[in-house]
């Protein structure tokens, strides 16, 4: 895949990642990372609530 024009089209990408990502790829990466953090936060809250309701470890 040629990336001649991507040099000018990656102004949203941090400097150290410009050789790897274009703006579109960075946008998708950002969505995936934020979705993973969101899923992790929801999972932690769900586990805490379940532990408070019915503890499964020890007494």
PDB file of N, CA and C in Angstrom:
ATOM      1  N   UNK A   1       0.833  -1.168   0.000  1.00  0.00           N
ATOM      2  CA  UNK A   1       0.000   0.000   0.000  1.00  0.00           C
ATOM      3  C   UNK A   1       0.887   1.243   0.000  1.00  0.00           C
ATOM      4  N   UNK A   2       0.687   2.086  -0.968  1.00  0.00           N
ATOM      5  CA  UNK A   2       1.499   3.303  -1.072  1.00  0.00           C
ATOM      6  C   UNK A   2       1.044   4.331  -0.048  1.00  0.00           C
ATOM      7  N   UNK A   3       2.005   4.983   0.566  1.00  0.00           N
ATOM      8  CA  UNK A   3       1.685   5.976   1.596  1.00  0.00           C
ATOM      9  C   UNK A   3       2.296   7.339   1.272  1.00  0.00           C
ATOM     10  N   UNK A   4       2.363   7.687  -0.004  1.00  0.00           N
ATOM     11  CA  UNK A   4       2.954   8.967  -0.360  1.00  0.00           C
ATOM     12  C   UNK A   4       2.115  10.125   0.177  1.00  0.00           C
ATOM     13  N   UNK A   5       0.806  10.042   0.042  1.00  0.00           N
ATOM     14  CA  UNK A   5      -0.075  11.129   0.462  1.00  0.00           C
ATOM     15  C   UNK A   5      -0.354  11.112   1.955  1.00  0.00           C
ATOM     16  N   UNK A   6      -0.101  10.004   2.617  1.00  0.00           N
ATOM     17  CA  UNK A   6      -0.396   9.890   4.040  1.00  0.00           C
ATOM     18  C   UNK A   6       0.475  10.802   4.893  1.00  0.00           C
ATOM     19  N   UNK A   7       1.601  11.220   4.378  1.00  0.00           N
ATOM     20  CA  UNK A   7       2.475  12.119   5.129  1.00  0.00           C
ATOM     21  C   UNK A   7       1.727  13.414   5.439  1.00  0.00           C
ATOM     22  N   UNK A   8       0.877  13.843   4.527  1.00  0.00           N
ATOM     23  CA  UNK A   8       0.136  15.087   4.704  1.00  0.00           C
ATOM     24  C   UNK A   8      -1.224  14.859   5.352  1.00  0.00           C
ATOM     25  N   UNK A   9      -1.679  13.615   5.397  1.00  0.00           N
ATOM     26  CA  UNK A   9      -3.011  13.322   5.899  1.00  0.00           C
ATOM     27  C   UNK A   9      -3.013  12.712   7.291  1.00  0.00           C
ATOM     28  N   UNK A  10      -1.961  12.855   8.048  1.00  0.00           N
ATOM     29  CA  UNK A  10      -1.938  12.263   9.385  1.00  0.00           C
ATOM     30  C   UNK A  10      -1.638  13.310  10.453  1.00  0.00           C
ATOM     31  N   UNK A  11      -2.294  14.464  10.352  1.00  0.00           N
ATOM     32  CA  UNK A  11      -2.035  15.543  11.302  1.00  0.00           C
ATOM     33  C   UNK A  11      -2.615  15.273  12.689  1.00  0.00           C
ATOM     34  N   UNK A  12      -3.518  14.321  12.845  1.00  0.00           N
ATOM     35  CA  UNK A  12      -4.087  13.987  14.150  1.00  0.00           C
ATOM     36  C   UNK A  12      -3.247  12.955  14.905  1.00  0.00           C
ATOM     37  N   UNK A  13      -2.317  12.338  14.213  1.00  0.00           N
ATOM     38  CA  UNK A  13      -1.506  11.266  14.793  1.00  0.00           C
ATOM     39  C   UNK A  13      -0.322  11.868  15.548  1.00  0.00           C
ATOM     40  N   UNK A  14      -0.055  11.398  16.793  1.00  0.00           N
ATOM     41  CA  UNK A  14       1.132  11.878  17.515  1.00  0.00           C
ATOM     42  C   UNK A  14       2.413  11.605  16.719  1.00  0.00           C
ATOM     43  N   UNK A  15       3.401  12.436  16.926  1.00  0.00           N
ATOM     44  CA  UNK A  15       4.626  12.404  16.120  1.00  0.00           C
ATOM     45  C   UNK A  15       5.300  11.038  16.091  1.00  0.00           C
ATOM     46  N   UNK A  16       5.384  10.357  17.232  1.00  0.00           N
ATOM     47  CA  UNK A  16       6.117   9.087  17.243  1.00  0.00           C
ATOM     48  C   UNK A  16       5.373   7.960  16.530  1.00  0.00           C
ATOM     49  N   UNK A  17       4.078   8.138  16.213  1.00  0.00           N
ATOM     50  CA  UNK A  17       3.299   7.099  15.537  1.00  0.00           C
ATOM     51  C   UNK A  17       2.999   7.434  14.078  1.00  0.00           C
ATOM     52  N   UNK A  18       3.471   8.564  13.577  1.00  0.00           N
ATOM     53  CA  UNK A  18       3.146   8.992  12.211  1.00  0.00           C
ATOM     54  C   UNK A  18       3.621   8.021  11.137  1.00  0.00           C
ATOM     55  N   UNK A  19       4.684   7.287  11.393  1.00  0.00           N
ATOM     56  CA  UNK A  19       5.173   6.343  10.383  1.00  0.00           C
ATOM     57  C   UNK A  19       4.310   5.086  10.320  1.00  0.00           C
ATOM     58  N   UNK A  20       3.482   4.855  11.332  1.00  0.00           N
ATOM     59  CA  UNK A  20       2.660   3.646  11.375  1.00  0.00           C
ATOM     60  C   UNK A  20       1.195   3.874  11.037  1.00  0.00           C
ATOM     61  N   UNK A  21       0.651   5.055  11.350  1.00  0.00           N
ATOM     62  CA  UNK A  21      -0.785   5.291  11.235  1.00  0.00           C
ATOM     63  C   UNK A  21      -1.101   6.479  10.348  1.00  0.00           C
ATOM     64  N   UNK A  22      -2.191   6.359   9.592  1.00  0.00           N
ATOM     65  CA  UNK A  22      -2.797   7.519   8.942  1.00  0.00           C
ATOM     66  C   UNK A  22      -3.901   8.012   9.877  1.00  0.00           C
ATOM     67  N   UNK A  23      -4.557   9.119   9.532  1.00  0.00           N
ATOM     68  CA  UNK A  23      -5.635   9.631  10.381  1.00  0.00           C
ATOM     69  C   UNK A  23      -6.749   8.606  10.552  1.00  0.00           C
ATOM     70  N   UNK A  24      -7.152   7.956   9.466  1.00  0.00           N
ATOM     71  CA  UNK A  24      -8.238   6.973   9.546  1.00  0.00           C
ATOM     72  C   UNK A  24      -7.859   5.799  10.437  1.00  0.00           C
ATOM     73  N   UNK A  25      -6.659   5.304  10.278  1.00  0.00           N
ATOM     74  CA  UNK A  25      -6.206   4.180  11.107  1.00  0.00           C
ATOM     75  C   UNK A  25      -6.088   4.594  12.570  1.00  0.00           C
ATOM     76  N   UNK A  26      -5.639   5.815  12.813  1.00  0.00           N
ATOM     77  CA  UNK A  26      -5.522   6.313  14.187  1.00  0.00           C
ATOM     78  C   UNK A  26      -6.900   6.457  14.821  1.00  0.00           C
ATOM     79  N   UNK A  27      -7.874   6.906  14.041  1.00  0.00           N
ATOM     80  CA  UNK A  27      -9.244   7.061  14.527  1.00  0.00           C
ATOM     81  C   UNK A  27      -9.814   5.703  14.938  1.00  0.00           C
ATOM     82  N   UNK A  28      -9.631   4.680  14.116  1.00  0.00           N
ATOM     83  CA  UNK A  28     -10.114   3.334  14.444  1.00  0.00           C
ATOM     84  C   UNK A  28      -9.383   2.806  15.676  1.00  0.00           C
ATOM     85  N   UNK A  29      -8.081   3.003  15.745  1.00  0.00           N
ATOM     86  CA  UNK A  29      -7.291   2.577  16.906  1.00  0.00           C
ATOM     87  C   UNK A  29      -7.818   3.245  18.175  1.00  0.00           C
ATOM     88  N   UNK A  30      -8.118   4.526  18.087  1.00  0.00           N
ATOM     89  CA  UNK A  30      -8.638   5.277  19.231  1.00  0.00           C
ATOM     90  C   UNK A  30      -9.974   4.695  19.699  1.00  0.00           C
ATOM     91  N   UNK A  31     -10.856   4.363  18.765  1.00  0.00           N
ATOM     92  CA  UNK A  31     -12.148   3.770  19.113  1.00  0.00           C
ATOM     93  C   UNK A  31     -11.955   2.421  19.795  1.00  0.00           C
ATOM     94  N   UNK A  32     -11.073   1.586  19.265  1.00  0.00           N
ATOM     95  CA  UNK A  32     -10.833   0.261  19.845  1.00  0.00           C
ATOM     96  C   UNK A  32     -10.275   0.380  21.261  1.00  0.00           C
ATOM     97  N   UNK A  33      -9.311   1.257  21.461  1.00  0.00           N
ATOM     98  CA  UNK A  33      -8.701   1.418  22.787  1.00  0.00           C
ATOM     99  C   UNK A  33      -9.724   1.938  23.790  1.00  0.00           C
ATOM    100  N   UNK A  34     -10.484   2.962  23.420  1.00  0.00           N
ATOM    101  CA  UNK A  34     -11.484   3.520  24.337  1.00  0.00           C
ATOM    102  C   UNK A  34     -12.590   2.514  24.630  1.00  0.00           C
ATOM    103  N   UNK A  35     -12.985   1.724  23.636  1.00  0.00           N
ATOM    104  CA  UNK A  35     -13.997   0.691  23.863  1.00  0.00           C
ATOM    105  C   UNK A  35     -13.486  -0.373  24.822  1.00  0.00           C
ATOM    106  N   UNK A  36     -12.220  -0.739  24.697  1.00  0.00           N
ATOM    107  CA  UNK A  36     -11.624  -1.726  25.598  1.00  0.00           C
ATOM    108  C   UNK A  36     -11.583  -1.201  27.026  1.00  0.00           C
ATOM    109  N   UNK A  37     -11.196   0.063  27.206  1.00  0.00           N
ATOM    110  CA  UNK A  37     -11.199   0.667  28.544  1.00  0.00           C
ATOM    111  C   UNK A  37     -12.615   0.715  29.109  1.00  0.00           C
ATOM    112  N   UNK A  38     -13.587   1.070  28.289  1.00  0.00           N
ATOM    113  CA  UNK A  38     -14.983   1.113  28.732  1.00  0.00           C
ATOM    114  C   UNK A  38     -15.479  -0.254  29.153  1.00  0.00           C
ATOM    115  N   UNK A  39     -15.185  -1.273  28.354  1.00  0.00           N
ATOM    116  CA  UNK A  39     -15.577  -2.639  28.694  1.00  0.00           C
ATOM    117  C   UNK A  39     -14.933  -3.066  30.005  1.00  0.00           C
ATOM    118  N   UNK A  40     -13.661  -2.756  30.187  1.00  0.00           N
ATOM    119  CA  UNK A  40     -12.966  -3.112  31.425  1.00  0.00           C
ATOM    120  C   UNK A  40     -13.587  -2.440  32.634  1.00  0.00           C
ATOM    121  N   UNK A  41     -13.939  -1.156  32.497  1.00  0.00           N
ATOM    122  CA  UNK A  41     -14.562  -0.431  33.611  1.00  0.00           C
ATOM    123  C   UNK A  41     -15.917  -1.031  33.963  1.00  0.00           C
ATOM    124  N   UNK A  42     -16.717  -1.349  32.960  1.00  0.00           N
ATOM    125  CA  UNK A  42     -18.025  -1.963  33.210  1.00  0.00           C
ATOM    126  C   UNK A  42     -17.856  -3.330  33.860  1.00  0.00           C
ATOM    127  N   UNK A  43     -16.885  -4.111  33.408  1.00  0.00           N
ATOM    128  CA  UNK A  43     -16.644  -5.438  33.985  1.00  0.00           C
ATOM    129  C   UNK A  43     -16.216  -5.338  35.444  1.00  0.00           C
ATOM    130  N   UNK A  44     -15.371  -4.373  35.770  1.00  0.00           N
ATOM    131  CA  UNK A  44     -14.927  -4.200  37.163  1.00  0.00           C
ATOM    132  C   UNK A  44     -16.104  -3.822  38.048  1.00  0.00           C
ATOM    133  N   UNK A  45     -16.927  -2.880  37.600  1.00  0.00           N
ATOM    134  CA  UNK A  45     -18.104  -2.476  38.381  1.00  0.00           C
ATOM    135  C   UNK A  45     -19.053  -3.657  38.557  1.00  0.00           C
ATOM    136  N   UNK A  46     -19.282  -4.422  37.503  1.00  0.00           N
ATOM    137  CA  UNK A  46     -20.176  -5.579  37.587  1.00  0.00           C
ATOM    138  C   UNK A  46     -19.640  -6.611  38.576  1.00  0.00           C
ATOM    139  N   UNK A  47     -18.347  -6.859  38.567  1.00  0.00           N
ATOM    140  CA  UNK A  47     -17.764  -7.820  39.506  1.00  0.00           C
ATOM    141  C   UNK A  47     -17.861  -7.322  40.949  1.00  0.00           C
ATOM    142  N   UNK A  48     -17.641  -6.048  41.157  1.00  0.00           N
ATOM    143  CA  UNK A  48     -17.763  -5.492  42.513  1.00  0.00           C
ATOM    144  C   UNK A  48     -19.201  -5.616  43.006  1.00  0.00           C
ATOM    145  N   UNK A  49     -20.167  -5.289  42.158  1.00  0.00           N
ATOM    146  CA  UNK A  49     -21.573  -5.401  42.557  1.00  0.00           C
ATOM    147  C   UNK A  49     -21.965  -6.845  42.844  1.00  0.00           C
ATOM    148  N   UNK A  50     -21.503  -7.781  42.035  1.00  0.00           N
ATOM    149  CA  UNK A  50     -21.794  -9.199  42.282  1.00  0.00           C
ATOM    150  C   UNK A  50     -21.128  -9.678  43.562  1.00  0.00           C
ATOM    151  N   UNK A  51     -19.931  -9.207  43.829  1.00  0.00           N
ATOM    152  CA  UNK A  51     -19.222  -9.594  45.054  1.00  0.00           C
ATOM    153  C   UNK A  51     -19.954  -9.057  46.282  1.00  0.00           C
ATOM    154  N   UNK A  52     -20.502  -7.848  46.192  1.00  0.00           N
ATOM    155  CA  UNK A  52     -21.259  -7.284  47.309  1.00  0.00           C
ATOM    156  C   UNK A  52     -22.573  -8.043  47.521  1.00  0.00           C
ATOM    157  N   UNK A  53     -23.186  -8.500  46.430  1.00  0.00           N
ATOM    158  CA  UNK A  53     -24.466  -9.193  46.505  1.00  0.00           C
ATOM    159  C   UNK A  53     -24.301 -10.613  47.022  1.00  0.00           C
ATOM    160  N   UNK A  54     -23.368 -11.353  46.440  1.00  0.00           N
ATOM    161  CA  UNK A  54     -23.166 -12.758  46.775  1.00  0.00           C
ATOM    162  C   UNK A  54     -21.684 -13.079  46.682  1.00  0.00           C
ATOM    163  N   UNK A  55     -20.925 -12.879  47.769  1.00  0.00           N
ATOM    164  CA  UNK A  55     -19.478 -13.132  47.712  1.00  0.00           C
ATOM    165  C   UNK A  55     -19.161 -14.589  47.359  1.00  0.00           C
ATOM    166  N   UNK A  56     -18.227 -14.786  46.491  1.00  0.00           N
ATOM    167  CA  UNK A  56     -17.862 -16.139  46.082  1.00  0.00           C
ATOM    168  C   UNK A  56     -16.474 -16.532  46.559  1.00  0.00           C
ATOM    169  N   UNK A  57     -15.758 -15.626  47.217  1.00  0.00           N
ATOM    170  CA  UNK A  57     -14.427 -15.924  47.740  1.00  0.00           C
ATOM    171  C   UNK A  57     -14.444 -15.818  49.261  1.00  0.00           C
ATOM    172  N   UNK A  58     -14.198 -16.894  49.933  1.00  0.00           N
ATOM    173  CA  UNK A  58     -14.111 -16.864  51.401  1.00  0.00           C
ATOM    174  C   UNK A  58     -15.447 -16.604  52.064  1.00  0.00           C
ATOM    175  N   UNK A  59     -15.380 -16.042  53.261  1.00  0.00           N
ATOM    176  CA  UNK A  59     -16.612 -15.782  54.025  1.00  0.00           C
ATOM    177  C   UNK A  59     -17.124 -14.427  53.734  1.00  0.00           C
TER     178      UNK A  59
END
